Structure formats: structure tokens, C-alpha cells
């Protein structure tokens, strides 16, 4: 489906969200560094865990709110709330005020409003796009995000490290602009019957209770339980891209020459080096997602899952044993390869092991690995204080490699169950 044939709502969103994502990624990767400097690594880690807990709860409610109040309404509220949060955050980190506690509160609120925005935005795509075209539309939005991940950190390494107040203020203004654009230029797409009948009779906490009840299936299906546990360990490793890796690179690199041509040289500090490494990740994802996904279909799923986990483990281990920008770049290439290897096969695997009448529940519960992984990932920051960086990265690498063993057990269990089902029939 070509972009020119898209619903007008989606065209507006693609432009507005693209600009918002670029400004967001100009500062977001550097916030862990800011909080670690402001509160200390130990306290910052636990505060980040706390902020993720609030975002998780908000995410559980986001889908309910999107049905209850409408997609457009929640997207307008979400973008406006994020904009206001970023503006107050900017004020707390301005030439006139230095209030890191207020900044953290604003960061937590921005996460909550973001959790209100994204379920509604995904539902809007489903509302206006035919099922056969949804994958291509989602792929365009995914590519747009990864372009922002490339451009944003580079701009952030140039501007945010020198002008944090201005960048945060600009991000707030951009979110406000998106909110106004959505309010004035888009229409509501939620089916009226959903918003005005049964949904109205629900209490606000009903979707949370229902979602928690749905997770009970992981305790009944041992194959799926292994998938969740292994996936959580992998997610915890992947989330370090926004947690301990920026703190580590900043601590290890003060000023380092990256490139020299004659009398000219390129010298980067830690924050700029991290911006380069993060942009590398986004660029590789944008360029090679489709190629590597097609390549991986030629191999057995078990081998792909296991090798991906092993590469994750090796990459994160190498990160913690060096202070060289070029080794960081090499490690990130490995890290990204591990990410892309399973990007296209995870949903396929879930659809295979899920009973036909329970696929919706299985896919909903499958997101638990990201939820839990994102929540516990910040523990790595205080771990670096307790054990030091080399041991912390070694532990993370060991957990990733252990997930490969869990994936092996998972496939063994899946094959055994399949054999039993064939014999029973």
C-alpha cells in the first residue's frame, strides 16, 4: 500500500510523529547519564525501575482508554501531556533552576502519557487500514522511528550535551504541535458502539484485572513459560542500550580521537561517542531488517533463537571489557545482528504454539517478556556500583547466553508436545 493511498489521518501522523521522534531521540538516550550524575548510580537505577512500573500500569489501561474515550482523544491528550512534561523538565534543568527530582517526576509522567498515546495510535491504524495492508503501514512507521533513532542521537550529541534546556523545550513544543495537529486535522476512528455501550459499563481497573488474569496461561503451558523467561532475559540485555551502556561509555571516554586525516582529527567525548553508537544501531536496523529477516527463514527457528542469544551475550560482554570507540562500534554491530535475527520470527513462533482459540491471549501475554525486561533492566546501573563494570557486563552476557539454553529446552518441549499430539490423534 503506497503512502499516497493512505488515510489522511495516517499521513498527518507520519509527518508529526516523525518530527516528534527526532526531537525525542535527541535527548532520551542521554537521560540515564543525567539521572546517574544527579542521583548516583544506585538511586538512579531504582528510580528508573519505578518509572517503568508506572508506564507498565499506564500501558495496561491505555487500550481501555482508547476504546472508552476514542483514539484521537487519547492521542491528543497523550501528546499534550508529553509536551507539558518535557517543558517542565526543561525548566527543572535550566539556567535558572536545577531540580533533578522535578525532572525525574516529569520524565515519569512523560512515560505515562506515552503509554496512553501508543495503544491508541496502533488501534487507529487497525481502524482505517485493511488487514492485508496493515503490515506494510506498520513497517513504514517502524522505519520512520528507526530513522529518528539514527538522526536524533547524532543531533543530540551535538546540541543536547551543550544546550539541554533548549533541546528539552524544543521537544515539548514539538509534542504540543503534534497535539494541536491531531486535534485540528484528524478525525475520530474508534467504532461508536465500542465507545458507547459495553465499554462504558467497565470500571477503570477492569482492563488491568483482565490483563493479569490472561497471564495465567503461562503457568499452564511450559513451552510458553520457557519462551517468556528466555525472552525476558534477552529483553533485559537489549534494554541496556538505554540503561547502562550510555553511562558506561560516558564514564570510559572523556576525550578520544576517533579518526585522523592529515592534520584534521575527529575527537569525541563520552556522550558524543554514545550518540554515534546508538545511531549505528538505528541505521543498521533501518537498512538490514528485511534482508536479515529473509535470511533467517532459511534456518531452523531453534538455531536462530539460540545463536541470537549467544551473540547478544558476546556483544554485551565485549562492551564491558573495553574503552575504545571502535570496539564499541564493533560490539554494537554484533548487538544489532542479534536483535534483527529474531525480529521477524517471534510472532510466527507464538502463533505456532498457541491453540487456535487462544491466539489472542497468547499474543497479549507474549508482550510480558518486554514488560518485565524493561522493568528490571535498570538494576544493571546500581550493579555496576556494587560489582564494577566488567563483572556487571559479564553477568548480563551470562544471562543472555543462559537464555540460549532455555530456548533449547523450549524447543525440546515443543517437539515433544507435537509428537504426543500426533500419537494421540
Protein backbone atom coordinates (compact mmCIF):
# COMPACT_ATOMS: atom_id res chain seq x y z
CA UNK A 1 0.00 0.00 0.00
CA UNK A 2 1.56 3.28 -1.13
CA UNK A 3 1.69 6.27 1.21
CA UNK A 4 -0.29 8.41 -1.26
CA UNK A 5 -3.19 5.95 -0.81
CA UNK A 6 -3.13 6.17 2.99
CA UNK A 7 -5.94 7.60 5.07
CA UNK A 8 -5.37 11.32 5.73
CA UNK A 9 -5.10 10.62 9.49
CA UNK A 10 -2.07 8.42 8.91
CA UNK A 11 -0.33 10.92 6.62
CA UNK A 12 -0.68 13.61 9.29
CA UNK A 13 0.65 11.24 11.94
CA UNK A 14 3.63 10.12 9.86
CA UNK A 15 4.85 13.71 9.50
CA UNK A 16 4.03 14.84 13.04
CA UNK A 17 5.33 11.72 14.80
CA UNK A 18 8.46 11.74 12.64
CA UNK A 19 9.37 15.25 13.83
CA UNK A 20 8.45 14.38 17.43
CA UNK A 21 10.54 11.21 17.40
CA UNK A 22 13.62 13.03 16.12
CA UNK A 23 13.45 15.62 18.90
CA UNK A 24 12.71 12.87 21.46
CA UNK A 25 15.76 10.83 20.46
CA UNK A 26 17.92 13.95 20.67
CA UNK A 27 17.77 13.75 24.47
CA UNK A 28 16.22 10.43 25.56
CA UNK A 29 19.41 8.32 25.20
CA UNK A 30 21.28 10.75 27.43
CA UNK A 31 18.75 10.87 30.28
CA UNK A 32 20.22 7.82 32.03
CA UNK A 33 23.53 9.70 32.18
CA UNK A 34 21.74 12.77 33.57
CA UNK A 35 19.95 10.82 36.31
CA UNK A 36 23.09 8.83 37.21
CA UNK A 37 25.02 12.10 37.64
CA UNK A 38 22.18 13.75 39.58
CA UNK A 39 21.22 10.93 41.96
CA UNK A 40 24.12 8.50 41.85
CA UNK A 41 24.03 5.19 40.01
CA UNK A 42 22.34 3.22 42.80
CA UNK A 43 19.42 5.57 43.35
CA UNK A 44 19.04 6.32 39.64
CA UNK A 45 18.63 2.63 38.83
CA UNK A 46 15.81 2.15 41.31
CA UNK A 47 14.10 5.38 40.25
CA UNK A 48 14.15 4.24 36.63
CA UNK A 49 12.62 0.91 37.67
CA UNK A 50 9.89 2.84 39.49
CA UNK A 51 9.16 4.98 36.43
CA UNK A 52 8.84 1.86 34.29
CA UNK A 53 6.33 0.35 36.73
CA UNK A 54 4.10 3.42 36.29
CA UNK A 55 4.45 3.17 32.50
CA UNK A 56 3.54 -0.53 32.55
CA UNK A 57 0.36 0.17 34.53
CA UNK A 58 -0.50 3.04 32.20
CA UNK A 59 0.05 0.78 29.19
CA UNK A 60 -2.41 -1.77 30.59
CA UNK A 61 -5.00 1.00 30.83
CA UNK A 62 -4.11 2.65 27.51
CA UNK A 63 -6.04 0.22 25.35
CA UNK A 64 -9.13 0.56 27.55
CA UNK A 65 -8.96 4.34 27.39
CA UNK A 66 -8.55 4.22 23.58
CA UNK A 67 -11.83 2.28 23.34
CA UNK A 68 -13.61 4.24 26.05
CA UNK A 69 -12.69 7.79 25.02
CA UNK A 70 -11.55 7.35 21.41
CA UNK A 71 -8.26 7.06 19.52
CA UNK A 72 -8.00 10.72 18.58
CA UNK A 73 -8.83 11.92 22.09
CA UNK A 74 -6.18 9.77 23.76
CA UNK A 75 -3.54 10.67 21.18
CA UNK A 76 -4.25 14.39 21.65
CA UNK A 77 -4.13 14.00 25.45
CA UNK A 78 -1.01 11.82 25.28
CA UNK A 79 0.93 14.22 23.02
CA UNK A 80 -0.16 17.26 25.05
CA UNK A 81 0.79 15.57 28.34
CA UNK A 82 4.20 14.60 26.99
CA UNK A 83 4.76 18.15 25.74
CA UNK A 84 3.85 19.67 29.10
CA UNK A 85 6.06 17.16 30.92
CA UNK A 86 9.06 17.94 28.70
CA UNK A 87 8.57 21.69 29.11
CA UNK A 88 8.56 21.44 32.91
CA UNK A 89 11.53 19.04 32.66
CA UNK A 90 13.33 21.72 30.63
CA UNK A 91 12.57 24.31 33.31
CA UNK A 92 13.94 21.99 36.01
CA UNK A 93 17.21 21.74 34.06
CA UNK A 94 17.54 25.36 33.00
CA UNK A 95 19.94 28.26 33.61
CA UNK A 96 17.55 29.41 36.36
CA UNK A 97 16.71 26.13 38.12
CA UNK A 98 18.48 22.86 38.85
CA UNK A 99 15.84 20.46 40.23
CA UNK A 100 16.68 16.89 39.14
CA UNK A 101 13.88 15.43 41.32
CA UNK A 102 11.31 17.50 39.43
CA UNK A 103 12.97 16.41 36.21
CA UNK A 104 12.56 12.75 37.14
CA UNK A 105 8.88 13.27 38.03
CA UNK A 106 8.36 14.89 34.63
CA UNK A 107 10.18 12.00 32.94
CA UNK A 108 7.87 9.52 34.70
CA UNK A 109 4.77 11.48 33.66
CA UNK A 110 6.03 11.67 30.07
CA UNK A 111 6.30 7.86 30.11
CA UNK A 112 2.74 7.56 31.39
CA UNK A 113 1.35 9.87 28.71
CA UNK A 114 3.39 7.99 26.09
CA UNK A 115 1.75 4.77 27.27
CA UNK A 116 -1.63 6.42 26.73
CA UNK A 117 -0.65 7.57 23.23
CA UNK A 118 0.76 4.46 21.58
CA UNK A 119 -2.08 1.91 22.08
CA UNK A 120 -4.49 4.44 20.59
CA UNK A 121 -2.15 5.09 17.66
CA UNK A 122 -1.86 1.36 16.91
CA UNK A 123 -5.63 0.94 17.15
CA UNK A 124 -6.15 3.83 14.72
CA UNK A 125 -4.09 2.00 12.08
CA UNK A 126 -6.28 -1.09 12.53
CA UNK A 127 -9.40 1.12 12.26
CA UNK A 128 -8.56 2.67 8.89
CA UNK A 129 -6.34 0.11 7.12
CA UNK A 130 -7.49 -3.19 5.62
CA UNK A 131 -5.94 -6.25 7.26
CA UNK A 132 -3.93 -7.18 4.15
CA UNK A 133 -2.20 -3.76 4.15
CA UNK A 134 -1.56 -3.31 7.88
CA UNK A 135 1.87 -4.93 7.91
CA UNK A 136 3.19 -2.53 5.26
CA UNK A 137 1.76 0.50 7.09
CA UNK A 138 3.22 -0.58 10.43
CA UNK A 139 6.54 -1.20 8.65
CA UNK A 140 6.62 2.39 7.37
CA UNK A 141 6.00 3.76 10.88
CA UNK A 142 8.66 1.38 12.26
CA UNK A 143 11.15 2.59 9.64
CA UNK A 144 10.28 6.19 10.50
CA UNK A 145 11.11 5.53 14.16
CA UNK A 146 14.45 3.98 13.24
CA UNK A 147 15.33 6.92 11.01
CA UNK A 148 14.70 9.09 14.07
CA UNK A 149 16.97 6.78 16.11
CA UNK A 150 19.71 7.45 13.56
CA UNK A 151 19.28 11.23 13.25
CA UNK A 152 18.22 12.09 16.81
CA UNK A 153 21.28 10.86 18.78
CA UNK A 154 23.67 12.49 16.31
CA UNK A 155 21.89 15.83 16.71
CA UNK A 156 21.71 15.22 20.47
CA UNK A 157 25.44 14.58 20.67
CA UNK A 158 25.94 17.97 19.00
CA UNK A 159 23.22 20.03 20.69
CA UNK A 160 21.82 18.35 23.81
CA UNK A 161 25.18 17.98 25.54
CA UNK A 162 25.64 21.77 25.20
CA UNK A 163 22.08 23.06 25.29
CA UNK A 164 19.92 20.64 27.33
CA UNK A 165 17.34 23.29 28.27
CA UNK A 166 16.76 24.36 24.67
CA UNK A 167 16.52 20.79 23.36
CA UNK A 168 14.04 19.70 26.06
CA UNK A 169 11.98 22.85 25.47
CA UNK A 170 12.02 22.17 21.73
CA UNK A 171 10.82 18.62 22.34
CA UNK A 172 7.97 19.93 24.47
CA UNK A 173 6.97 22.41 21.77
CA UNK A 174 7.09 19.66 19.13
CA UNK A 175 4.78 17.44 21.20
CA UNK A 176 2.40 20.35 21.68
CA UNK A 177 2.49 20.94 17.92
CA UNK A 178 1.63 17.27 17.30
CA UNK A 179 -1.25 17.50 19.78
CA UNK A 180 -2.65 20.59 18.01
CA UNK A 181 -2.16 18.95 14.60
CA UNK A 182 -4.05 15.84 15.69
CA UNK A 183 -6.83 17.89 17.27
CA UNK A 184 -7.36 20.10 14.21
CA UNK A 185 -6.53 17.84 11.27
CA UNK A 186 -7.62 14.29 12.19
CA UNK A 187 -10.96 12.60 12.80
CA UNK A 188 -12.04 10.01 15.36
CA UNK A 189 -11.84 6.43 14.06
CA UNK A 190 -12.97 4.31 17.03
CA UNK A 191 -16.22 2.40 16.33
CA UNK A 192 -19.06 4.22 18.10
CA UNK A 193 -20.59 1.05 19.51
CA UNK A 194 -17.35 0.21 21.29
CA UNK A 195 -17.13 3.56 22.98
CA UNK A 196 -20.78 3.93 23.95
CA UNK A 197 -22.02 0.52 25.07
CA UNK A 198 -20.25 -2.23 26.95
CA UNK A 199 -17.03 -0.29 27.46
CA UNK A 200 -18.88 2.41 29.39
CA UNK A 201 -20.04 -0.14 31.96
CA UNK A 202 -16.48 -1.13 32.88
CA UNK A 203 -14.62 0.32 35.83
CA UNK A 204 -11.22 1.86 35.15
CA UNK A 205 -9.42 -1.04 36.82
CA UNK A 206 -11.21 -3.80 34.87
CA UNK A 207 -8.70 -3.88 31.97
CA UNK A 208 -5.83 -4.31 34.43
CA UNK A 209 -7.57 -7.21 36.17
CA UNK A 210 -8.40 -8.84 32.84
CA UNK A 211 -4.85 -8.48 31.56
CA UNK A 212 -3.39 -10.01 34.73
CA UNK A 213 -5.86 -12.91 34.51
CA UNK A 214 -4.84 -13.55 30.91
CA UNK A 215 -1.26 -14.13 32.02
CA UNK A 216 -2.24 -17.27 33.94
CA UNK A 217 -1.79 -19.25 30.72
CA UNK A 218 1.99 -19.03 31.04
CA UNK A 219 1.82 -21.23 34.13
CA UNK A 220 -0.16 -23.91 32.28
CA UNK A 221 1.92 -24.07 29.11
CA UNK A 222 5.51 -24.98 29.96
CA UNK A 223 6.74 -24.25 26.43
CA UNK A 224 5.31 -20.76 26.56
CA UNK A 225 6.65 -20.22 30.08
CA UNK A 226 10.18 -21.01 28.85
CA UNK A 227 9.62 -18.61 25.94
CA UNK A 228 8.65 -15.82 28.34
CA UNK A 229 11.55 -16.42 30.76
CA UNK A 230 14.15 -16.68 27.99
CA UNK A 231 12.68 -13.66 26.20
CA UNK A 232 12.77 -11.63 29.43
CA UNK A 233 16.50 -12.30 29.83
CA UNK A 234 17.08 -11.24 26.22
CA UNK A 235 14.90 -8.14 26.64
CA UNK A 236 16.81 -7.20 29.79
CA UNK A 237 20.02 -7.35 27.74
CA UNK A 238 18.58 -5.35 24.85
CA UNK A 239 17.20 -2.64 27.16
CA UNK A 240 20.74 -1.89 28.37
CA UNK A 241 21.07 0.19 25.20
CA UNK A 242 19.15 2.88 27.12
CA UNK A 243 20.39 1.98 30.61
CA UNK A 244 23.95 1.01 31.48
CA UNK A 245 25.60 1.35 28.05
CA UNK A 246 25.29 5.17 27.88
CA UNK A 247 26.52 5.52 31.48
CA UNK A 248 29.43 3.18 30.81
CA UNK A 249 30.56 4.83 27.57
CA UNK A 250 30.38 8.25 29.20
CA UNK A 251 32.48 7.08 32.14
CA UNK A 252 35.06 5.34 29.94
CA UNK A 253 35.53 8.06 27.33
CA UNK A 254 36.43 11.59 28.32
CA UNK A 255 38.03 12.71 25.07
CA UNK A 256 39.10 10.16 22.46
CA UNK A 257 40.35 10.59 18.92
CA UNK A 258 38.16 8.57 16.59
CA UNK A 259 39.62 9.48 13.22
CA UNK A 260 42.63 11.38 11.87
CA UNK A 261 43.21 12.53 8.29
CA UNK A 262 46.40 14.55 7.94
CA UNK A 263 46.23 17.44 10.36
CA UNK A 264 42.48 17.03 10.84
CA UNK A 265 41.13 14.79 13.58
CA UNK A 266 37.69 13.86 14.94
CA UNK A 267 37.66 13.78 18.74
CA UNK A 268 34.58 12.73 20.71
CA UNK A 269 33.61 12.85 24.37
CA UNK A 270 31.61 10.07 26.02
CA UNK A 271 28.13 11.43 25.26
CA UNK A 272 29.03 12.07 21.63
CA UNK A 273 30.52 8.57 21.32
CA UNK A 274 27.32 7.06 22.67
CA UNK A 275 25.32 9.12 20.18
CA UNK A 276 27.39 7.61 17.36
CA UNK A 277 26.95 4.06 18.67
CA UNK A 278 23.17 4.46 19.11
CA UNK A 279 22.81 5.98 15.65
CA UNK A 280 24.73 3.00 14.28
CA UNK A 281 22.11 0.70 15.81
CA UNK A 282 19.23 2.64 14.26
CA UNK A 283 20.93 2.83 10.86
CA UNK A 284 21.66 -0.91 10.75
CA UNK A 285 18.08 -1.70 11.79
CA UNK A 286 16.67 0.58 9.09
CA UNK A 287 18.93 -0.87 6.39
CA UNK A 288 19.01 -4.59 7.16
CA UNK A 289 15.77 -5.61 8.92
CA UNK A 290 14.14 -7.03 5.79
CA UNK A 291 17.34 -8.63 4.45
CA UNK A 292 18.25 -10.42 7.68
CA UNK A 293 14.64 -11.46 8.34
CA UNK A 294 14.52 -13.18 4.93
CA UNK A 295 17.92 -14.75 5.57
CA UNK A 296 16.84 -16.17 8.91
CA UNK A 297 13.88 -18.01 7.35
CA UNK A 298 16.40 -20.41 5.77
CA UNK A 299 17.44 -21.75 9.19
CA UNK A 300 15.71 -23.71 11.93
CA UNK A 301 13.94 -21.45 14.42
CA UNK A 302 15.68 -23.17 17.34
CA UNK A 303 19.12 -22.35 15.95
CA UNK A 304 18.16 -18.74 15.21
CA UNK A 305 16.85 -18.11 18.74
CA UNK A 306 19.85 -19.78 20.38
CA UNK A 307 22.53 -18.13 18.22
CA UNK A 308 20.87 -14.75 18.64
CA UNK A 309 21.06 -15.10 22.44
CA UNK A 310 24.72 -16.18 22.27
CA UNK A 311 25.61 -13.20 20.06
CA UNK A 312 23.77 -10.88 22.48
CA UNK A 313 25.87 -12.36 25.31
CA UNK A 314 29.16 -11.96 23.43
CA UNK A 315 28.33 -8.39 22.36
CA UNK A 316 27.35 -7.18 25.83
CA UNK A 317 30.42 -8.90 27.34
CA UNK A 318 32.77 -7.15 24.88
CA UNK A 319 31.15 -3.80 25.72
CA UNK A 320 32.24 -4.13 29.34
CA UNK A 321 35.86 -5.02 28.63
CA UNK A 322 36.97 -2.06 26.52
CA UNK A 323 37.22 1.71 26.37
CA UNK A 324 37.77 2.01 22.61
CA UNK A 325 35.21 3.74 20.40
CA UNK A 326 35.94 1.36 17.53
CA UNK A 327 35.42 -1.71 19.74
CA UNK A 328 32.12 -0.17 20.89
CA UNK A 329 31.12 0.19 17.23
CA UNK A 330 32.05 -3.45 16.53
CA UNK A 331 30.12 -4.61 19.61
CA UNK A 332 27.06 -2.63 18.54
CA UNK A 333 27.17 -4.29 15.12
CA UNK A 334 27.03 -7.70 16.85
CA UNK A 335 24.32 -6.43 19.22
CA UNK A 336 22.19 -5.26 16.29
CA UNK A 337 22.68 -8.53 14.40
CA UNK A 338 21.33 -10.41 17.43
CA UNK A 339 18.35 -8.03 17.54
CA UNK A 340 17.49 -8.46 13.86
CA UNK A 341 17.88 -12.24 13.81
CA UNK A 342 14.67 -12.79 15.79
CA UNK A 343 12.78 -9.62 14.79
CA UNK A 344 10.68 -11.40 12.19
CA UNK A 345 10.19 -14.87 13.67
CA UNK A 346 8.97 -14.24 17.22
CA UNK A 347 5.32 -13.69 16.28
CA UNK A 348 5.46 -16.70 13.95
CA UNK A 349 6.65 -18.94 16.77
CA UNK A 350 3.92 -17.73 19.14
CA UNK A 351 1.25 -18.38 16.50
CA UNK A 352 2.57 -21.95 16.11
CA UNK A 353 2.46 -22.90 19.79
CA UNK A 354 -0.79 -21.10 20.60
CA UNK A 355 -4.06 -23.07 20.42
CA UNK A 356 -6.24 -21.59 17.68
CA UNK A 357 -8.93 -20.49 20.13
CA UNK A 358 -6.39 -18.77 22.41
CA UNK A 359 -4.11 -16.93 20.00
CA UNK A 360 -5.26 -13.52 21.18
CA UNK A 361 -4.38 -14.36 24.79
CA UNK A 362 -1.02 -15.81 23.80
CA UNK A 363 -0.02 -12.73 21.82
CA UNK A 364 -1.15 -10.47 24.66
CA UNK A 365 0.85 -12.49 27.20
CA UNK A 366 3.88 -12.66 24.89
CA UNK A 367 4.41 -8.93 25.46
CA UNK A 368 5.12 -9.78 29.10
CA UNK A 369 8.75 -10.52 28.28
CA UNK A 370 9.27 -6.93 27.12
CA UNK A 371 7.29 -5.52 30.03
CA UNK A 372 9.26 -7.40 32.68
CA UNK A 373 12.58 -6.96 30.85
CA UNK A 374 12.09 -3.20 30.60
CA UNK A 375 11.12 -3.00 34.27
CA UNK A 376 14.12 -4.88 35.68
CA UNK A 377 16.74 -3.63 33.20
CA UNK A 378 17.69 -0.52 35.26
CA UNK A 379 19.02 -2.79 38.05
CA UNK A 380 22.22 -3.01 35.98
CA UNK A 381 23.07 0.60 36.92
CA UNK A 382 23.39 0.01 40.68
CA UNK A 383 25.00 -3.38 39.90
CA UNK A 384 27.86 -1.51 38.24
CA UNK A 385 28.34 0.32 41.53
CA UNK A 386 28.31 -2.91 43.55
CA UNK A 387 30.46 -5.12 41.30
CA UNK A 388 32.15 -2.82 38.80
CA UNK A 389 31.56 -2.61 35.06
CA UNK A 390 33.45 -5.72 33.84
CA UNK A 391 31.60 -8.05 36.22
CA UNK A 392 28.23 -6.39 35.58
CA UNK A 393 28.57 -6.76 31.81
CA UNK A 394 29.80 -10.33 32.29
CA UNK A 395 26.69 -11.13 34.34
CA UNK A 396 24.46 -9.62 31.66
CA UNK A 397 26.28 -11.59 29.00
CA UNK A 398 25.95 -14.77 31.06
CA UNK A 399 22.19 -14.24 31.43
CA UNK A 400 21.82 -13.76 27.67
CA UNK A 401 23.75 -16.97 26.98
CA UNK A 402 21.69 -18.80 29.61
CA UNK A 403 18.60 -17.77 27.64
CA UNK A 404 20.01 -19.81 24.72
CA UNK A 405 19.87 -22.89 26.97
CA UNK A 406 16.27 -22.05 27.89
CA UNK A 407 15.38 -21.71 24.22
CA UNK A 408 16.91 -25.17 23.63
CA UNK A 409 14.72 -26.60 26.40
CA UNK A 410 11.71 -24.75 24.97
CA UNK A 411 12.08 -26.31 21.52
CA UNK A 412 12.69 -29.73 23.02
CA UNK A 413 9.44 -29.36 24.97
CA UNK A 414 7.60 -28.08 21.88
CA UNK A 415 8.79 -31.02 19.76
CA UNK A 416 7.79 -33.48 22.49
CA UNK A 417 4.32 -31.94 22.74
CA UNK A 418 3.90 -32.04 18.96
CA UNK A 419 4.88 -35.73 18.89
CA UNK A 420 2.41 -36.53 21.67
CA UNK A 421 -0.36 -34.71 19.82
CA UNK A 422 0.36 -36.70 16.64
CA UNK A 423 0.32 -40.00 18.58
CA UNK A 424 -2.91 -39.03 20.33
CA UNK A 425 -4.62 -38.27 17.03
